[in-house]
Amino acid sequence: MGSHKAKPKPTEFTCTRCGNCCRGEGHVYLTPEDVKRISESLGLSRETFLKTYTYRHNRRPVLTNKPNMDCIFLEKSLCAVHDVKPRQCTKWPFWKTVATDPASFSMAKSYCEGLKEFEFEDFKKVAEREELLPRP
């Protein structure tokens, strides 16, 4: 009988660049700063960018999806606008719901390869330590 050693708990999140967070149905809401940054990066006017790459949801601009529901900017599992990607995307998976709600965490863990080794409480501690969540 060999000794069974417990796996160490993860202490930081590392993105594996699997692109799974950019696949499937969802809404990427854009801030005015996101629109400015991305449109400038693409060499488009604000109006052309909005007309070409977004639609309105709850009166806010949202990135459109490809017919298979992937993000319009997902190319070979990578973000085509990575250097200027929306703030919502840069915060993933440290969204308040993921780090404070076990059910949301479980759903995120089901597709985010970087969360596979985490349990909810360990992820919450990382988020709090990194000051990515507001203190209670």
C-alpha atoms as a PDB file:
ATOM      1  CA  MET A   1       0.000   0.000   0.000  1.00  0.00           C
ATOM      2  CA  GLY A   2       1.425   3.323  -1.054  1.00  0.00           C
ATOM      3  CA  SER A   3       0.858   6.416   0.944  1.00  0.00           C
ATOM      4  CA  HIS A   4      -1.839   8.692  -0.399  1.00  0.00           C
ATOM      5  CA  LYS A   5      -0.712  12.282  -0.296  1.00  0.00           C
ATOM      6  CA  ALA A   6      -3.340  14.997  -0.379  1.00  0.00           C
ATOM      7  CA  LYS A   7      -3.072  17.379  -3.295  1.00  0.00           C
ATOM      8  CA  PRO A   8      -1.996  20.850  -2.234  1.00  0.00           C
ATOM      9  CA  LYS A   9      -4.734  23.444  -2.416  1.00  0.00           C
ATOM     10  CA  PRO A  10      -4.284  25.909  -5.269  1.00  0.00           C
ATOM     11  CA  THR A  11      -3.189  29.351  -4.114  1.00  0.00           C
ATOM     12  CA  GLU A  12      -3.590  31.329  -7.313  1.00  0.00           C
ATOM     13  CA  PHE A  13      -5.636  31.256 -10.489  1.00  0.00           C
ATOM     14  CA  THR A  14      -3.817  30.657 -13.756  1.00  0.00           C
ATOM     15  CA  CYS A  15      -5.643  31.082 -17.045  1.00  0.00           C
ATOM     16  CA  THR A  16      -4.974  28.149 -19.369  1.00  0.00           C
ATOM     17  CA  ARG A  17      -6.208  30.118 -22.403  1.00  0.00           C
ATOM     18  CA  CYS A  18      -8.679  27.351 -23.233  1.00  0.00           C
ATOM     19  CA  GLY A  19     -11.185  29.902 -24.561  1.00  0.00           C
ATOM     20  CA  ASN A  20     -14.103  28.152 -22.879  1.00  0.00           C
ATOM     21  CA  CYS A  21     -15.242  31.355 -21.174  1.00  0.00           C
ATOM     22  CA  CYS A  22     -15.713  32.853 -24.657  1.00  0.00           C
ATOM     23  CA  ARG A  23     -17.887  30.006 -25.920  1.00  0.00           C
ATOM     24  CA  GLY A  24     -21.610  29.579 -25.672  1.00  0.00           C
ATOM     25  CA  GLU A  25     -24.449  31.862 -24.823  1.00  0.00           C
ATOM     26  CA  GLY A  26     -23.757  34.873 -22.656  1.00  0.00           C
ATOM     27  CA  HIS A  27     -23.537  38.638 -22.680  1.00  0.00           C
ATOM     28  CA  VAL A  28     -20.314  40.639 -22.718  1.00  0.00           C
ATOM     29  CA  TYR A  29     -21.415  44.123 -21.723  1.00  0.00           C
ATOM     30  CA  LEU A  30     -19.196  46.951 -22.921  1.00  0.00           C
ATOM     31  CA  THR A  31     -18.309  50.085 -21.004  1.00  0.00           C
ATOM     32  CA  PRO A  32     -17.784  53.350 -22.915  1.00  0.00           C
ATOM     33  CA  GLU A  33     -14.051  52.850 -22.299  1.00  0.00           C
ATOM     34  CA  ASP A  34     -14.230  49.325 -23.806  1.00  0.00           C
ATOM     35  CA  VAL A  35     -15.934  50.700 -26.916  1.00  0.00           C
ATOM     36  CA  LYS A  36     -13.306  53.429 -27.295  1.00  0.00           C
ATOM     37  CA  ARG A  37     -10.351  51.069 -26.754  1.00  0.00           C
ATOM     38  CA  ILE A  38     -11.566  48.289 -29.045  1.00  0.00           C
ATOM     39  CA  SER A  39     -12.803  50.545 -31.842  1.00  0.00           C
ATOM     40  CA  GLU A  40      -9.502  52.453 -31.868  1.00  0.00           C
ATOM     41  CA  SER A  41      -7.565  49.176 -31.876  1.00  0.00           C
ATOM     42  CA  LEU A  42      -9.556  47.978 -34.893  1.00  0.00           C
ATOM     43  CA  GLY A  43      -9.167  51.334 -36.652  1.00  0.00           C
ATOM     44  CA  LEU A  44     -12.921  51.876 -36.686  1.00  0.00           C
ATOM     45  CA  SER A  45     -15.098  54.778 -35.701  1.00  0.00           C
ATOM     46  CA  ARG A  46     -17.124  54.252 -32.551  1.00  0.00           C
ATOM     47  CA  GLU A  47     -20.316  54.141 -34.624  1.00  0.00           C
ATOM     48  CA  THR A  48     -18.950  51.580 -37.121  1.00  0.00           C
ATOM     49  CA  PHE A  49     -17.653  49.373 -34.317  1.00  0.00           C
ATOM     50  CA  LEU A  50     -20.997  49.474 -32.504  1.00  0.00           C
ATOM     51  CA  LYS A  51     -22.959  48.726 -35.690  1.00  0.00           C
ATOM     52  CA  THR A  52     -20.629  45.884 -36.749  1.00  0.00           C
ATOM     53  CA  TYR A  53     -19.778  44.115 -33.482  1.00  0.00           C
ATOM     54  CA  THR A  54     -22.519  44.862 -30.957  1.00  0.00           C
ATOM     55  CA  TYR A  55     -26.221  44.837 -30.219  1.00  0.00           C
ATOM     56  CA  ARG A  56     -28.170  46.397 -27.365  1.00  0.00           C
ATOM     57  CA  HIS A  57     -29.268  44.400 -24.333  1.00  0.00           C
ATOM     58  CA  ASN A  58     -30.822  46.156 -21.351  1.00  0.00           C
ATOM     59  CA  ARG A  59     -29.985  49.407 -23.163  1.00  0.00           C
ATOM     60  CA  ARG A  60     -26.256  48.638 -23.108  1.00  0.00           C
ATOM     61  CA  PRO A  61     -23.921  47.583 -25.918  1.00  0.00           C
ATOM     62  CA  VAL A  62     -23.076  43.870 -25.889  1.00  0.00           C
ATOM     63  CA  LEU A  63     -20.651  41.992 -28.142  1.00  0.00           C
ATOM     64  CA  THR A  64     -22.374  39.948 -30.819  1.00  0.00           C
ATOM     65  CA  ASN A  65     -21.845  36.214 -31.105  1.00  0.00           C
ATOM     66  CA  LYS A  66     -20.971  33.989 -34.020  1.00  0.00           C
ATOM     67  CA  PRO A  67     -23.772  31.657 -35.236  1.00  0.00           C
ATOM     68  CA  ASN A  68     -22.444  28.927 -32.867  1.00  0.00           C
ATOM     69  CA  MET A  69     -22.773  31.443 -29.984  1.00  0.00           C
ATOM     70  CA  ASP A  70     -19.009  31.915 -29.500  1.00  0.00           C
ATOM     71  CA  CYS A  71     -17.812  35.472 -28.950  1.00  0.00           C
ATOM     72  CA  ILE A  72     -17.350  37.357 -32.210  1.00  0.00           C
ATOM     73  CA  PHE A  73     -13.678  37.857 -31.304  1.00  0.00           C
ATOM     74  CA  LEU A  74     -12.841  34.233 -30.432  1.00  0.00           C
ATOM     75  CA  GLU A  75     -10.312  32.852 -32.917  1.00  0.00           C
ATOM     76  CA  LYS A  76      -8.689  29.438 -32.358  1.00  0.00           C
ATOM     77  CA  SER A  77      -9.442  29.588 -28.612  1.00  0.00           C
ATOM     78  CA  LEU A  78      -7.798  33.005 -28.311  1.00  0.00           C
ATOM     79  CA  CYS A  79      -9.193  36.524 -28.145  1.00  0.00           C
ATOM     80  CA  ALA A  80      -8.540  38.512 -31.320  1.00  0.00           C
ATOM     81  CA  VAL A  81      -8.653  41.732 -29.252  1.00  0.00           C
ATOM     82  CA  HIS A  82      -6.851  40.347 -26.202  1.00  0.00           C
ATOM     83  CA  ASP A  83      -4.750  43.457 -25.539  1.00  0.00           C
ATOM     84  CA  VAL A  84      -7.871  45.648 -25.440  1.00  0.00           C
ATOM     85  CA  LYS A  85     -10.519  43.120 -24.429  1.00  0.00           C
ATOM     86  CA  PRO A  86     -13.572  44.259 -22.450  1.00  0.00           C
ATOM     87  CA  ARG A  87     -13.210  44.878 -18.724  1.00  0.00           C
ATOM     88  CA  GLN A  88     -15.778  42.151 -18.028  1.00  0.00           C
ATOM     89  CA  CYS A  89     -13.475  39.659 -19.753  1.00  0.00           C
ATOM     90  CA  THR A  90     -10.334  40.821 -17.927  1.00  0.00           C
ATOM     91  CA  LYS A  91     -12.076  40.200 -14.599  1.00  0.00           C
ATOM     92  CA  TRP A  92     -13.003  36.569 -15.372  1.00  0.00           C
ATOM     93  CA  PRO A  93     -13.315  34.375 -13.280  1.00  0.00           C
ATOM     94  CA  PHE A  94     -13.187  36.902 -10.445  1.00  0.00           C
ATOM     95  CA  TRP A  95     -16.745  38.023 -10.926  1.00  0.00           C
ATOM     96  CA  LYS A  96     -18.563  38.694  -7.670  1.00  0.00           C
ATOM     97  CA  THR A  97     -21.128  35.967  -8.354  1.00  0.00           C
ATOM     98  CA  VAL A  98     -18.462  33.320  -9.074  1.00  0.00           C
ATOM     99  CA  ALA A  99     -16.486  34.134  -5.920  1.00  0.00           C
ATOM    100  CA  THR A 100     -19.458  34.519  -3.581  1.00  0.00           C
ATOM    101  CA  ASP A 101     -22.064  32.012  -4.795  1.00  0.00           C
ATOM    102  CA  PRO A 102     -21.231  28.282  -4.678  1.00  0.00           C
ATOM    103  CA  ALA A 103     -23.696  27.456  -7.484  1.00  0.00           C
ATOM    104  CA  SER A 104     -22.192  30.093  -9.796  1.00  0.00           C
ATOM    105  CA  PHE A 105     -18.709  28.884  -8.903  1.00  0.00           C
ATOM    106  CA  SER A 106     -19.698  25.299  -9.691  1.00  0.00           C
ATOM    107  CA  MET A 107     -21.061  26.306 -13.082  1.00  0.00           C
ATOM    108  CA  ALA A 108     -17.889  28.281 -13.901  1.00  0.00           C
ATOM    109  CA  LYS A 109     -15.711  25.389 -12.745  1.00  0.00           C
ATOM    110  CA  SER A 110     -17.572  23.040 -15.108  1.00  0.00           C
ATOM    111  CA  TYR A 111     -16.007  24.753 -18.125  1.00  0.00           C
ATOM    112  CA  CYS A 112     -13.093  26.901 -16.921  1.00  0.00           C
ATOM    113  CA  GLU A 113      -9.937  24.785 -17.021  1.00  0.00           C
ATOM    114  CA  GLY A 114      -8.151  27.212 -14.669  1.00  0.00           C
ATOM    115  CA  LEU A 115     -10.715  26.486 -11.939  1.00  0.00           C
ATOM    116  CA  LYS A 116     -10.568  22.666 -12.170  1.00  0.00           C
ATOM    117  CA  GLU A 117      -8.342  22.208  -9.097  1.00  0.00           C
ATOM    118  CA  PHE A 118     -10.218  24.725  -6.946  1.00  0.00           C
ATOM    119  CA  GLU A 119     -12.887  24.168  -4.369  1.00  0.00           C
ATOM    120  CA  PHE A 120     -15.221  27.094  -3.719  1.00  0.00           C
ATOM    121  CA  GLU A 121     -13.714  28.176  -0.373  1.00  0.00           C
ATOM    122  CA  ASP A 122     -10.153  28.096  -1.750  1.00  0.00           C
ATOM    123  CA  PHE A 123     -11.145  30.200  -4.762  1.00  0.00           C
ATOM    124  CA  LYS A 124     -12.957  32.663  -2.516  1.00  0.00           C
ATOM    125  CA  LYS A 125      -9.794  33.036  -0.395  1.00  0.00           C
ATOM    126  CA  VAL A 126      -7.699  33.747  -3.494  1.00  0.00           C
ATOM    127  CA  ALA A 127     -10.209  36.359  -4.651  1.00  0.00           C
ATOM    128  CA  GLU A 128     -10.208  38.022  -1.216  1.00  0.00           C
ATOM    129  CA  ARG A 129      -6.409  37.919  -0.914  1.00  0.00           C
ATOM    130  CA  GLU A 130      -5.990  39.470  -4.338  1.00  0.00           C
ATOM    131  CA  GLU A 131      -8.503  42.118  -3.260  1.00  0.00           C
ATOM    132  CA  LEU A 132     -10.621  41.186  -6.219  1.00  0.00           C
ATOM    133  CA  LEU A 133     -13.717  41.109  -4.088  1.00  0.00           C
ATOM    134  CA  PRO A 134     -15.085  43.824  -1.853  1.00  0.00           C
ATOM    135  CA  ARG A 135     -14.510  43.146   1.821  1.00  0.00           C
ATOM    136  CA  PRO A 136     -17.677  42.355   3.813  1.00  0.00           C
END
